[in-house]
Amino acid sequence: MIGGVIGVSVLGGFIWLMIFLNARQKKRREIFWNELASKHNLSLTSRKKSFLHIALFNLEGTVANQPVSIQETVKGSGNHQRYYVSIETAFSPGYSFCIRKEGILTQIINLVGIHDIIFRDEEIDKTYNLKSDNEDEFRRLLVGHKLEELRLIKNQFDGVLICNNYKLSYTVQMQLNNSEKVSDLEAAMAFVLLLVSK
């Protein structure tokens, strides 16, 4: 009987601690989401996920005359829980493309014979894995200042940028909980908006 009471008390204490820590984490993240919303005049909303009431944030609005949606998602649970932030905007170039950082997986794929697009720019070619189903049009998109901007944000670009004929989406694994991460996300958003600009 006493063992059962102690077990229930420990379980109750653990659940209370998890709720407390999630509330504290939410408050910290909410500060930076509010900062981003205020700076870019975007509308902030939140939604709850799971019994621990994890708050996930969304921003909607217009930046540089372009509709923008920034969404936070969480995948996994416990020690395997990961936060992701996605920036989406409408874009219809008539072809698909993908920009991601070079990594072990992309190098293995290249060894198999599926090569990315080479721009003959040592820094871009070594840093990024670029793919498209219309290489000529993709090269025309990434010229001049757009290619230079991609070079400049190489330390801030840690996600994957995908265009699938009607939507441009940048997704990165991150928790927006400090100023440096806000700056990284703003740099990625500026690049996304630069790509869709005329």
N, C-alpha and C. Protein backbone atom coordinates (compact mmCIF):
# COMPACT_ATOMS: atom_id res chain seq x y z
N MET A 1 0.82 -1.20 0.00
CA MET A 1 0.00 0.00 0.00
C MET A 1 0.87 1.26 0.00
N ILE A 2 1.86 1.31 0.91
CA ILE A 2 2.73 2.48 0.99
C ILE A 2 3.55 2.61 -0.29
N GLY A 3 4.02 1.45 -0.83
CA GLY A 3 4.77 1.47 -2.08
C GLY A 3 3.95 2.04 -3.22
N GLY A 4 2.64 1.72 -3.27
CA GLY A 4 1.76 2.26 -4.29
C GLY A 4 1.60 3.76 -4.17
N VAL A 5 1.47 4.25 -2.94
CA VAL A 5 1.33 5.70 -2.70
C VAL A 5 2.60 6.41 -3.12
N ILE A 6 3.75 5.83 -2.78
CA ILE A 6 5.02 6.44 -3.15
C ILE A 6 5.17 6.44 -4.68
N GLY A 7 4.81 5.35 -5.32
CA GLY A 7 4.88 5.26 -6.78
C GLY A 7 4.00 6.30 -7.46
N VAL A 8 2.78 6.47 -6.96
CA VAL A 8 1.86 7.47 -7.51
C VAL A 8 2.40 8.87 -7.27
N SER A 9 2.98 9.10 -6.10
CA SER A 9 3.55 10.41 -5.78
C SER A 9 4.73 10.74 -6.69
N VAL A 10 5.59 9.76 -6.93
CA VAL A 10 6.74 9.96 -7.82
C VAL A 10 6.25 10.25 -9.24
N LEU A 11 5.28 9.47 -9.70
CA LEU A 11 4.72 9.69 -11.03
C LEU A 11 4.09 11.07 -11.15
N GLY A 12 3.31 11.44 -10.13
CA GLY A 12 2.69 12.77 -10.12
C GLY A 12 3.74 13.87 -10.13
N GLY A 13 4.79 13.69 -9.34
CA GLY A 13 5.88 14.67 -9.31
C GLY A 13 6.58 14.78 -10.65
N PHE A 14 6.78 13.65 -11.31
CA PHE A 14 7.42 13.64 -12.62
C PHE A 14 6.56 14.38 -13.65
N ILE A 15 5.28 14.10 -13.64
CA ILE A 15 4.37 14.77 -14.59
C ILE A 15 4.35 16.27 -14.32
N TRP A 16 4.30 16.66 -13.04
CA TRP A 16 4.30 18.09 -12.70
C TRP A 16 5.59 18.74 -13.18
N LEU A 17 6.75 18.07 -12.98
CA LEU A 17 8.04 18.60 -13.41
C LEU A 17 8.07 18.78 -14.93
N MET A 18 7.56 17.82 -15.67
CA MET A 18 7.52 17.93 -17.14
C MET A 18 6.65 19.10 -17.59
N ILE A 19 5.51 19.26 -16.97
CA ILE A 19 4.62 20.38 -17.32
C ILE A 19 5.30 21.70 -16.99
N PHE A 20 5.96 21.79 -15.82
CA PHE A 20 6.67 23.00 -15.41
C PHE A 20 7.78 23.34 -16.40
N LEU A 21 8.60 22.34 -16.76
CA LEU A 21 9.71 22.59 -17.69
C LEU A 21 9.21 22.98 -19.08
N ASN A 22 8.13 22.35 -19.54
CA ASN A 22 7.55 22.72 -20.84
C ASN A 22 7.01 24.14 -20.82
N ALA A 23 6.38 24.53 -19.70
CA ALA A 23 5.85 25.90 -19.59
C ALA A 23 7.00 26.91 -19.61
N ARG A 24 8.08 26.58 -18.93
CA ARG A 24 9.25 27.48 -18.90
C ARG A 24 9.87 27.60 -20.29
N GLN A 25 10.01 26.47 -20.97
CA GLN A 25 10.55 26.46 -22.32
C GLN A 25 9.64 27.24 -23.28
N LYS A 26 8.33 27.05 -23.14
CA LYS A 26 7.37 27.76 -23.99
C LYS A 26 7.50 29.26 -23.80
N LYS A 27 7.64 29.72 -22.57
CA LYS A 27 7.76 31.15 -22.29
C LYS A 27 9.00 31.72 -22.97
N ARG A 28 10.13 31.00 -22.89
CA ARG A 28 11.37 31.45 -23.52
C ARG A 28 11.21 31.51 -25.04
N ARG A 29 10.64 30.44 -25.63
CA ARG A 29 10.44 30.43 -27.08
C ARG A 29 9.47 31.52 -27.50
N GLU A 30 8.43 31.74 -26.70
CA GLU A 30 7.41 32.73 -27.04
C GLU A 30 8.01 34.14 -27.16
N ILE A 31 9.01 34.45 -26.35
CA ILE A 31 9.68 35.75 -26.41
C ILE A 31 10.27 35.95 -27.80
N PHE A 32 10.96 34.94 -28.32
CA PHE A 32 11.63 35.08 -29.61
C PHE A 32 10.63 35.02 -30.78
N TRP A 33 9.57 34.24 -30.66
CA TRP A 33 8.53 34.24 -31.68
C TRP A 33 7.84 35.60 -31.72
N ASN A 34 7.57 36.20 -30.56
CA ASN A 34 6.97 37.54 -30.53
C ASN A 34 7.90 38.57 -31.14
N GLU A 35 9.19 38.45 -30.87
CA GLU A 35 10.17 39.37 -31.44
C GLU A 35 10.16 39.30 -32.97
N LEU A 36 10.15 38.08 -33.48
CA LEU A 36 10.13 37.88 -34.94
C LEU A 36 8.83 38.42 -35.54
N ALA A 37 7.70 38.17 -34.87
CA ALA A 37 6.41 38.66 -35.35
C ALA A 37 6.38 40.18 -35.38
N SER A 38 6.84 40.81 -34.32
CA SER A 38 6.82 42.28 -34.24
C SER A 38 7.73 42.91 -35.28
N LYS A 39 8.92 42.35 -35.42
CA LYS A 39 9.90 42.92 -36.35
C LYS A 39 9.42 42.89 -37.80
N HIS A 40 8.66 41.85 -38.17
CA HIS A 40 8.23 41.69 -39.56
C HIS A 40 6.72 41.91 -39.74
N ASN A 41 6.07 42.41 -38.70
CA ASN A 41 4.64 42.72 -38.75
C ASN A 41 3.81 41.50 -39.19
N LEU A 42 4.08 40.36 -38.52
CA LEU A 42 3.37 39.12 -38.82
C LEU A 42 2.44 38.78 -37.67
N SER A 43 1.41 38.03 -37.96
CA SER A 43 0.42 37.61 -36.97
C SER A 43 0.89 36.31 -36.31
N LEU A 44 0.94 36.30 -34.97
CA LEU A 44 1.40 35.14 -34.21
C LEU A 44 0.23 34.37 -33.62
N THR A 45 0.21 33.05 -33.84
CA THR A 45 -0.77 32.18 -33.20
C THR A 45 -0.01 30.98 -32.63
N SER A 46 -0.66 30.28 -31.70
CA SER A 46 -0.05 29.06 -31.18
C SER A 46 -1.11 27.98 -31.08
N ARG A 47 -0.66 26.76 -31.06
CA ARG A 47 -1.55 25.61 -30.92
C ARG A 47 -0.88 24.62 -29.97
N LYS A 48 -1.68 23.79 -29.34
CA LYS A 48 -1.17 22.82 -28.38
C LYS A 48 -1.00 21.46 -29.04
N LYS A 49 0.02 20.73 -28.59
CA LYS A 49 0.25 19.36 -29.07
C LYS A 49 0.55 18.47 -27.87
N SER A 50 -0.09 17.37 -27.79
CA SER A 50 0.11 16.30 -26.81
C SER A 50 -0.41 16.64 -25.42
N PHE A 51 -0.38 15.64 -24.56
CA PHE A 51 -0.90 15.82 -23.21
C PHE A 51 -0.02 16.73 -22.38
N LEU A 52 1.24 16.94 -22.79
CA LEU A 52 2.12 17.85 -22.05
C LEU A 52 1.92 19.30 -22.47
N HIS A 53 1.00 19.53 -23.38
CA HIS A 53 0.64 20.88 -23.82
C HIS A 53 1.83 21.65 -24.38
N ILE A 54 2.55 21.02 -25.29
CA ILE A 54 3.63 21.71 -25.97
C ILE A 54 3.00 22.74 -26.90
N ALA A 55 3.37 23.99 -26.74
CA ALA A 55 2.84 25.05 -27.60
C ALA A 55 3.72 25.15 -28.84
N LEU A 56 3.08 25.13 -30.01
CA LEU A 56 3.78 25.31 -31.27
C LEU A 56 3.29 26.60 -31.89
N PHE A 57 4.23 27.39 -32.41
CA PHE A 57 3.90 28.72 -32.90
C PHE A 57 3.82 28.79 -34.41
N ASN A 58 2.98 29.72 -34.91
CA ASN A 58 2.83 29.98 -36.34
C ASN A 58 2.85 31.49 -36.55
N LEU A 59 3.47 31.92 -37.63
CA LEU A 59 3.43 33.31 -38.04
C LEU A 59 2.86 33.36 -39.45
N GLU A 60 1.98 34.31 -39.69
CA GLU A 60 1.39 34.49 -41.02
C GLU A 60 1.40 35.98 -41.35
N GLY A 61 1.55 36.27 -42.62
CA GLY A 61 1.47 37.66 -43.05
C GLY A 61 2.17 37.88 -44.37
N THR A 62 2.52 39.14 -44.61
CA THR A 62 3.15 39.53 -45.86
C THR A 62 4.49 40.19 -45.55
N VAL A 63 5.53 39.74 -46.21
CA VAL A 63 6.85 40.34 -46.09
C VAL A 63 7.33 40.63 -47.51
N ALA A 64 7.76 41.85 -47.74
CA ALA A 64 8.23 42.27 -49.08
C ALA A 64 7.19 41.93 -50.14
N ASN A 65 5.92 42.24 -49.87
CA ASN A 65 4.80 41.99 -50.78
C ASN A 65 4.61 40.52 -51.14
N GLN A 66 5.08 39.63 -50.30
CA GLN A 66 4.97 38.19 -50.55
C GLN A 66 4.31 37.52 -49.34
N PRO A 67 3.26 36.71 -49.57
CA PRO A 67 2.65 36.01 -48.44
C PRO A 67 3.65 35.01 -47.85
N VAL A 68 3.78 35.04 -46.52
CA VAL A 68 4.76 34.20 -45.84
C VAL A 68 4.08 33.49 -44.67
N SER A 69 4.42 32.23 -44.49
CA SER A 69 3.97 31.45 -43.35
C SER A 69 5.20 30.82 -42.70
N ILE A 70 5.34 31.00 -41.40
CA ILE A 70 6.43 30.39 -40.65
C ILE A 70 5.79 29.52 -39.59
N GLN A 71 6.08 28.22 -39.63
CA GLN A 71 5.41 27.26 -38.75
C GLN A 71 6.43 26.45 -37.96
N GLU A 72 6.08 26.18 -36.72
CA GLU A 72 6.90 25.33 -35.86
C GLU A 72 6.20 23.99 -35.73
N THR A 73 6.96 22.91 -35.88
CA THR A 73 6.42 21.56 -35.67
C THR A 73 7.38 20.81 -34.75
N VAL A 74 6.88 19.75 -34.16
CA VAL A 74 7.72 18.89 -33.32
C VAL A 74 7.48 17.45 -33.76
N LYS A 75 8.57 16.71 -33.86
CA LYS A 75 8.49 15.31 -34.26
C LYS A 75 9.23 14.47 -33.23
N GLY A 76 8.75 13.27 -33.00
CA GLY A 76 9.37 12.39 -32.04
C GLY A 76 8.86 12.66 -30.64
N SER A 77 9.46 11.96 -29.66
CA SER A 77 9.06 12.15 -28.28
C SER A 77 10.25 11.87 -27.36
N GLY A 78 10.13 12.33 -26.13
CA GLY A 78 11.19 12.11 -25.15
C GLY A 78 12.52 12.68 -25.61
N ASN A 79 13.58 11.89 -25.48
CA ASN A 79 14.91 12.33 -25.89
C ASN A 79 15.04 12.47 -27.40
N HIS A 80 14.08 11.93 -28.13
CA HIS A 80 14.12 11.98 -29.59
C HIS A 80 13.22 13.07 -30.16
N GLN A 81 12.74 13.95 -29.31
CA GLN A 81 11.86 15.03 -29.74
C GLN A 81 12.68 16.12 -30.42
N ARG A 82 12.28 16.52 -31.62
CA ARG A 82 12.99 17.54 -32.40
C ARG A 82 12.01 18.60 -32.87
N TYR A 83 12.43 19.85 -32.75
CA TYR A 83 11.63 20.97 -33.25
C TYR A 83 12.11 21.34 -34.64
N TYR A 84 11.15 21.68 -35.51
CA TYR A 84 11.45 22.13 -36.86
C TYR A 84 10.72 23.44 -37.11
N VAL A 85 11.35 24.31 -37.88
CA VAL A 85 10.73 25.55 -38.29
C VAL A 85 10.72 25.58 -39.81
N SER A 86 9.56 25.89 -40.40
CA SER A 86 9.43 25.95 -41.86
C SER A 86 8.96 27.34 -42.28
N ILE A 87 9.58 27.84 -43.33
CA ILE A 87 9.17 29.09 -43.95
C ILE A 87 8.59 28.71 -45.31
N GLU A 88 7.36 29.15 -45.59
CA GLU A 88 6.74 28.82 -46.86
C GLU A 88 6.20 30.08 -47.53
N THR A 89 6.29 30.09 -48.85
CA THR A 89 5.70 31.15 -49.65
C THR A 89 5.31 30.59 -51.01
N ALA A 90 4.37 31.23 -51.65
CA ALA A 90 3.94 30.79 -52.98
C ALA A 90 5.02 31.11 -54.01
N PHE A 91 5.29 30.17 -54.90
CA PHE A 91 6.29 30.36 -55.95
C PHE A 91 6.04 29.32 -57.02
N SER A 92 5.86 29.75 -58.26
CA SER A 92 5.56 28.83 -59.36
C SER A 92 6.51 29.06 -60.53
N PRO A 93 7.74 28.56 -60.42
CA PRO A 93 8.68 28.76 -61.53
C PRO A 93 8.46 27.80 -62.70
N GLY A 94 7.65 26.74 -62.50
CA GLY A 94 7.42 25.77 -63.56
C GLY A 94 8.36 24.58 -63.50
N TYR A 95 9.15 24.49 -62.46
CA TYR A 95 10.06 23.36 -62.27
C TYR A 95 10.34 23.21 -60.78
N SER A 96 10.92 22.08 -60.41
CA SER A 96 11.25 21.82 -59.01
C SER A 96 12.75 21.97 -58.79
N PHE A 97 13.12 22.31 -57.55
CA PHE A 97 14.53 22.34 -57.20
C PHE A 97 14.69 22.15 -55.70
N CYS A 98 15.93 21.83 -55.32
CA CYS A 98 16.26 21.61 -53.92
C CYS A 98 17.66 22.14 -53.65
N ILE A 99 17.80 22.88 -52.54
CA ILE A 99 19.10 23.37 -52.11
C ILE A 99 19.30 22.89 -50.67
N ARG A 100 20.41 22.21 -50.43
CA ARG A 100 20.74 21.77 -49.07
C ARG A 100 22.26 21.81 -48.93
N LYS A 101 22.70 21.77 -47.68
CA LYS A 101 24.14 21.74 -47.42
C LYS A 101 24.70 20.38 -47.84
N GLU A 102 25.94 20.38 -48.34
CA GLU A 102 26.63 19.13 -48.62
C GLU A 102 26.85 18.41 -47.30
N GLY A 103 26.71 17.12 -47.31
CA GLY A 103 26.93 16.32 -46.11
C GLY A 103 27.33 14.91 -46.51
N ILE A 104 27.47 14.07 -45.53
CA ILE A 104 27.87 12.68 -45.79
C ILE A 104 26.88 11.99 -46.73
N LEU A 105 25.58 12.15 -46.45
CA LEU A 105 24.56 11.50 -47.27
C LEU A 105 24.62 11.97 -48.72
N THR A 106 24.75 13.29 -48.94
CA THR A 106 24.80 13.80 -50.31
C THR A 106 26.08 13.35 -51.01
N GLN A 107 27.18 13.20 -50.28
CA GLN A 107 28.42 12.72 -50.89
C GLN A 107 28.29 11.25 -51.30
N ILE A 108 27.60 10.45 -50.48
CA ILE A 108 27.37 9.04 -50.83
C ILE A 108 26.49 8.95 -52.07
N ILE A 109 25.43 9.78 -52.12
CA ILE A 109 24.54 9.80 -53.29
C ILE A 109 25.33 10.18 -54.54
N ASN A 110 26.26 11.15 -54.42
CA ASN A 110 27.09 11.53 -55.56
C ASN A 110 27.99 10.38 -56.01
N LEU A 111 28.50 9.59 -55.05
CA LEU A 111 29.34 8.44 -55.41
C LEU A 111 28.57 7.39 -56.19
N VAL A 112 27.27 7.26 -55.89
CA VAL A 112 26.42 6.30 -56.58
C VAL A 112 26.17 6.74 -58.02
N GLY A 113 26.38 8.01 -58.30
CA GLY A 113 26.22 8.50 -59.66
C GLY A 113 25.11 9.52 -59.85
N ILE A 114 24.43 9.87 -58.79
CA ILE A 114 23.40 10.90 -58.87
C ILE A 114 24.04 12.22 -58.45
N HIS A 115 24.47 12.99 -59.42
CA HIS A 115 25.24 14.20 -59.14
C HIS A 115 24.34 15.42 -59.05
N ASP A 116 24.82 16.39 -58.29
CA ASP A 116 24.10 17.65 -58.19
C ASP A 116 24.59 18.59 -59.28
N ILE A 117 23.98 19.76 -59.34
CA ILE A 117 24.33 20.75 -60.35
C ILE A 117 25.61 21.47 -59.92
N ILE A 118 26.55 21.57 -60.84
CA ILE A 118 27.83 22.23 -60.58
C ILE A 118 27.77 23.64 -61.17
N PHE A 119 28.08 24.63 -60.34
CA PHE A 119 28.04 26.02 -60.78
C PHE A 119 29.43 26.55 -61.15
N ARG A 120 30.45 25.72 -61.03
CA ARG A 120 31.83 26.12 -61.28
C ARG A 120 32.23 27.29 -60.38
N ASP A 121 31.68 27.27 -59.18
CA ASP A 121 32.02 28.23 -58.14
C ASP A 121 32.46 27.37 -56.96
N GLU A 122 33.75 27.34 -56.68
CA GLU A 122 34.30 26.40 -55.71
C GLU A 122 33.57 26.44 -54.36
N GLU A 123 33.30 27.64 -53.86
CA GLU A 123 32.65 27.76 -52.55
C GLU A 123 31.22 27.23 -52.58
N ILE A 124 30.45 27.60 -53.59
CA ILE A 124 29.06 27.13 -53.72
C ILE A 124 29.03 25.62 -53.94
N ASP A 125 29.87 25.12 -54.84
CA ASP A 125 29.88 23.69 -55.17
C ASP A 125 30.31 22.83 -53.98
N LYS A 126 31.21 23.33 -53.15
CA LYS A 126 31.68 22.57 -52.00
C LYS A 126 30.70 22.66 -50.83
N THR A 127 29.97 23.76 -50.72
CA THR A 127 29.08 24.01 -49.58
C THR A 127 27.69 23.43 -49.77
N TYR A 128 27.15 23.52 -50.99
CA TYR A 128 25.75 23.17 -51.23
C TYR A 128 25.58 22.00 -52.19
N ASN A 129 24.48 21.28 -52.00
CA ASN A 129 24.03 20.26 -52.91
C ASN A 129 22.82 20.86 -53.62
N LEU A 130 22.92 21.07 -54.92
CA LEU A 130 21.88 21.74 -55.70
C LEU A 130 21.31 20.76 -56.72
N LYS A 131 19.99 20.62 -56.73
CA LYS A 131 19.33 19.71 -57.67
C LYS A 131 18.11 20.41 -58.27
N SER A 132 17.80 20.05 -59.50
CA SER A 132 16.61 20.59 -60.17
C SER A 132 16.22 19.68 -61.33
N ASP A 133 14.93 19.69 -61.65
CA ASP A 133 14.50 18.92 -62.81
C ASP A 133 14.58 19.76 -64.09
N ASN A 134 15.02 21.03 -63.96
CA ASN A 134 15.27 21.89 -65.11
C ASN A 134 16.53 22.70 -64.82
N GLU A 135 17.67 22.11 -65.10
CA GLU A 135 18.95 22.72 -64.74
C GLU A 135 19.15 24.10 -65.36
N ASP A 136 18.77 24.27 -66.63
CA ASP A 136 18.98 25.57 -67.29
C ASP A 136 18.19 26.69 -66.60
N GLU A 137 16.91 26.43 -66.32
CA GLU A 137 16.09 27.46 -65.65
C GLU A 137 16.59 27.72 -64.22
N PHE A 138 17.00 26.67 -63.54
CA PHE A 138 17.52 26.81 -62.18
C PHE A 138 18.79 27.66 -62.18
N ARG A 139 19.65 27.46 -63.15
CA ARG A 139 20.87 28.28 -63.26
C ARG A 139 20.51 29.76 -63.50
N ARG A 140 19.48 29.99 -64.32
CA ARG A 140 19.05 31.38 -64.58
C ARG A 140 18.48 32.03 -63.31
N LEU A 141 17.83 31.20 -62.46
CA LEU A 141 17.29 31.71 -61.20
C LEU A 141 18.40 32.12 -60.25
N LEU A 142 19.44 31.30 -60.16
CA LEU A 142 20.52 31.54 -59.20
C LEU A 142 21.71 32.26 -59.85
N VAL A 143 21.48 33.45 -60.33
CA VAL A 143 22.57 34.23 -60.93
C VAL A 143 22.83 35.47 -60.09
N GLY A 144 24.02 36.04 -60.30
CA GLY A 144 24.37 37.32 -59.72
C GLY A 144 24.21 37.41 -58.22
N HIS A 145 23.38 38.36 -57.79
CA HIS A 145 23.24 38.65 -56.36
C HIS A 145 22.57 37.50 -55.59
N LYS A 146 21.77 36.68 -56.27
CA LYS A 146 21.14 35.54 -55.58
C LYS A 146 22.19 34.48 -55.22
N LEU A 147 23.10 34.21 -56.14
CA LEU A 147 24.18 33.27 -55.87
C LEU A 147 25.12 33.85 -54.80
N GLU A 148 25.37 35.14 -54.87
CA GLU A 148 26.22 35.79 -53.88
C GLU A 148 25.58 35.75 -52.49
N GLU A 149 24.27 35.94 -52.41
CA GLU A 149 23.57 35.87 -51.12
C GLU A 149 23.62 34.46 -50.55
N LEU A 150 23.50 33.45 -51.40
CA LEU A 150 23.61 32.06 -50.95
C LEU A 150 25.01 31.81 -50.37
N ARG A 151 26.01 32.42 -50.98
CA ARG A 151 27.39 32.30 -50.48
C ARG A 151 27.52 32.98 -49.11
N LEU A 152 26.88 34.13 -48.95
CA LEU A 152 27.00 34.91 -47.72
C LEU A 152 26.31 34.25 -46.53
N ILE A 153 25.23 33.49 -46.78
CA ILE A 153 24.49 32.90 -45.65
C ILE A 153 24.89 31.45 -45.37
N LYS A 154 26.03 31.02 -45.88
CA LYS A 154 26.41 29.60 -45.73
C LYS A 154 26.50 29.16 -44.27
N ASN A 155 26.84 30.05 -43.35
CA ASN A 155 26.92 29.68 -41.93
C ASN A 155 25.56 29.70 -41.25
N GLN A 156 24.57 30.32 -41.88
CA GLN A 156 23.24 30.41 -41.29
C GLN A 156 22.24 29.46 -41.94
N PHE A 157 22.58 28.94 -43.10
CA PHE A 157 21.70 28.06 -43.87
C PHE A 157 21.97 26.62 -43.44
N ASP A 158 21.12 26.08 -42.57
CA ASP A 158 21.32 24.71 -42.08
C ASP A 158 20.17 23.79 -42.44
N GLY A 159 19.23 24.27 -43.21
CA GLY A 159 18.06 23.47 -43.53
C GLY A 159 18.04 22.99 -44.96
N VAL A 160 16.83 22.75 -45.45
CA VAL A 160 16.61 22.29 -46.81
C VAL A 160 15.60 23.24 -47.46
N LEU A 161 15.94 23.74 -48.64
CA LEU A 161 15.05 24.62 -49.40
C LEU A 161 14.52 23.82 -50.58
N ILE A 162 13.20 23.66 -50.63
CA ILE A 162 12.56 22.85 -51.68
C ILE A 162 11.50 23.68 -52.39
N CYS A 163 11.52 23.64 -53.71
CA CYS A 163 10.46 24.24 -54.52
C CYS A 163 9.82 23.10 -55.30
N ASN A 164 8.50 22.97 -55.17
CA ASN A 164 7.80 21.87 -55.85
C ASN A 164 6.75 22.39 -56.82
N ASN A 165 7.12 23.35 -57.64
CA ASN A 165 6.28 23.92 -58.71
C ASN A 165 5.27 24.97 -58.25
N TYR A 166 4.85 24.95 -56.99
CA TYR A 166 3.88 25.96 -56.57
C TYR A 166 4.20 26.55 -55.20
N LYS A 167 5.14 25.96 -54.48
CA LYS A 167 5.45 26.43 -53.14
C LYS A 167 6.95 26.33 -52.90
N LEU A 168 7.51 27.35 -52.27
CA LEU A 168 8.91 27.36 -51.87
C LEU A 168 8.93 27.20 -50.37
N SER A 169 9.65 26.21 -49.88
CA SER A 169 9.65 25.89 -48.45
C SER A 169 11.06 25.66 -47.95
N TYR A 170 11.43 26.36 -46.88
CA TYR A 170 12.72 26.16 -46.20
C TYR A 170 12.42 25.55 -44.84
N THR A 171 12.98 24.38 -44.55
CA THR A 171 12.75 23.71 -43.27
C THR A 171 14.09 23.45 -42.60
N VAL A 172 14.13 23.77 -41.31
CA VAL A 172 15.36 23.59 -40.53
C VAL A 172 15.00 23.01 -39.17
N GLN A 173 15.87 22.13 -38.67
CA GLN A 173 15.68 21.61 -37.32
C GLN A 173 16.25 22.64 -36.35
N MET A 174 15.36 23.25 -35.57
CA MET A 174 15.80 24.24 -34.59
C MET A 174 14.67 24.56 -33.63
N GLN A 175 15.05 25.01 -32.46
CA GLN A 175 14.11 25.58 -31.51
C GLN A 175 14.43 27.06 -31.48
N LEU A 176 13.47 27.88 -31.78
CA LEU A 176 13.69 29.32 -31.83
C LEU A 176 13.73 29.85 -30.40
N ASN A 177 14.91 29.76 -29.77
CA ASN A 177 15.00 30.12 -28.36
C ASN A 177 16.18 31.01 -28.01
N ASN A 178 16.82 31.63 -29.04
CA ASN A 178 17.84 32.63 -28.76
C ASN A 178 17.99 33.56 -29.97
N SER A 179 18.63 34.68 -29.76
CA SER A 179 18.74 35.72 -30.79
C SER A 179 19.51 35.24 -32.02
N GLU A 180 20.52 34.40 -31.81
CA GLU A 180 21.30 33.90 -32.93
C GLU A 180 20.44 33.07 -33.87
N LYS A 181 19.56 32.25 -33.31
CA LYS A 181 18.68 31.43 -34.14
C LYS A 181 17.65 32.29 -34.88
N VAL A 182 17.20 33.37 -34.24
CA VAL A 182 16.30 34.31 -34.93
C VAL A 182 17.03 34.92 -36.11
N SER A 183 18.28 35.33 -35.93
CA SER A 183 19.08 35.90 -37.03
C SER A 183 19.27 34.90 -38.17
N ASP A 184 19.56 33.64 -37.81
CA ASP A 184 19.73 32.60 -38.83
C ASP A 184 18.44 32.42 -39.63
N LEU A 185 17.30 32.39 -38.93
CA LEU A 185 16.02 32.21 -39.61
C LEU A 185 15.69 33.41 -40.49
N GLU A 186 16.00 34.62 -40.02
CA GLU A 186 15.76 35.82 -40.83
C GLU A 186 16.64 35.82 -42.08
N ALA A 187 17.87 35.34 -41.98
CA ALA A 187 18.75 35.27 -43.15
C ALA A 187 18.17 34.30 -44.18
N ALA A 188 17.68 33.15 -43.70
CA ALA A 188 17.07 32.18 -44.61
C ALA A 188 15.80 32.76 -45.24
N MET A 189 14.99 33.47 -44.43
CA MET A 189 13.76 34.08 -44.96
C MET A 189 14.10 35.13 -46.01
N ALA A 190 15.14 35.92 -45.78
CA ALA A 190 15.55 36.93 -46.76
C ALA A 190 15.96 36.26 -48.07
N PHE A 191 16.65 35.12 -47.98
CA PHE A 191 17.05 34.42 -49.20
C PHE A 191 15.84 33.85 -49.92
N VAL A 192 14.89 33.27 -49.18
CA VAL A 192 13.67 32.74 -49.78
C VAL A 192 12.94 33.86 -50.53
N LEU A 193 12.81 35.03 -49.91
CA LEU A 193 12.11 36.15 -50.54
C LEU A 193 12.89 36.71 -51.73
N LEU A 194 14.22 36.66 -51.65
CA LEU A 194 15.04 37.08 -52.78
C LEU A 194 14.82 36.17 -53.99
N LEU A 195 14.71 34.87 -53.75
CA LEU A 195 14.47 33.93 -54.85
C LEU A 195 13.16 34.19 -55.56
N VAL A 196 12.11 34.56 -54.83
CA VAL A 196 10.80 34.75 -55.47
C VAL A 196 10.63 36.16 -56.03
N SER A 197 11.58 37.05 -55.74
CA SER A 197 11.49 38.42 -56.27
C SER A 197 11.79 38.42 -57.75
N LYS A 198 11.25 39.38 -58.43
CA LYS A 198 11.44 39.49 -59.89
C LYS A 198 12.83 40.04 -60.20
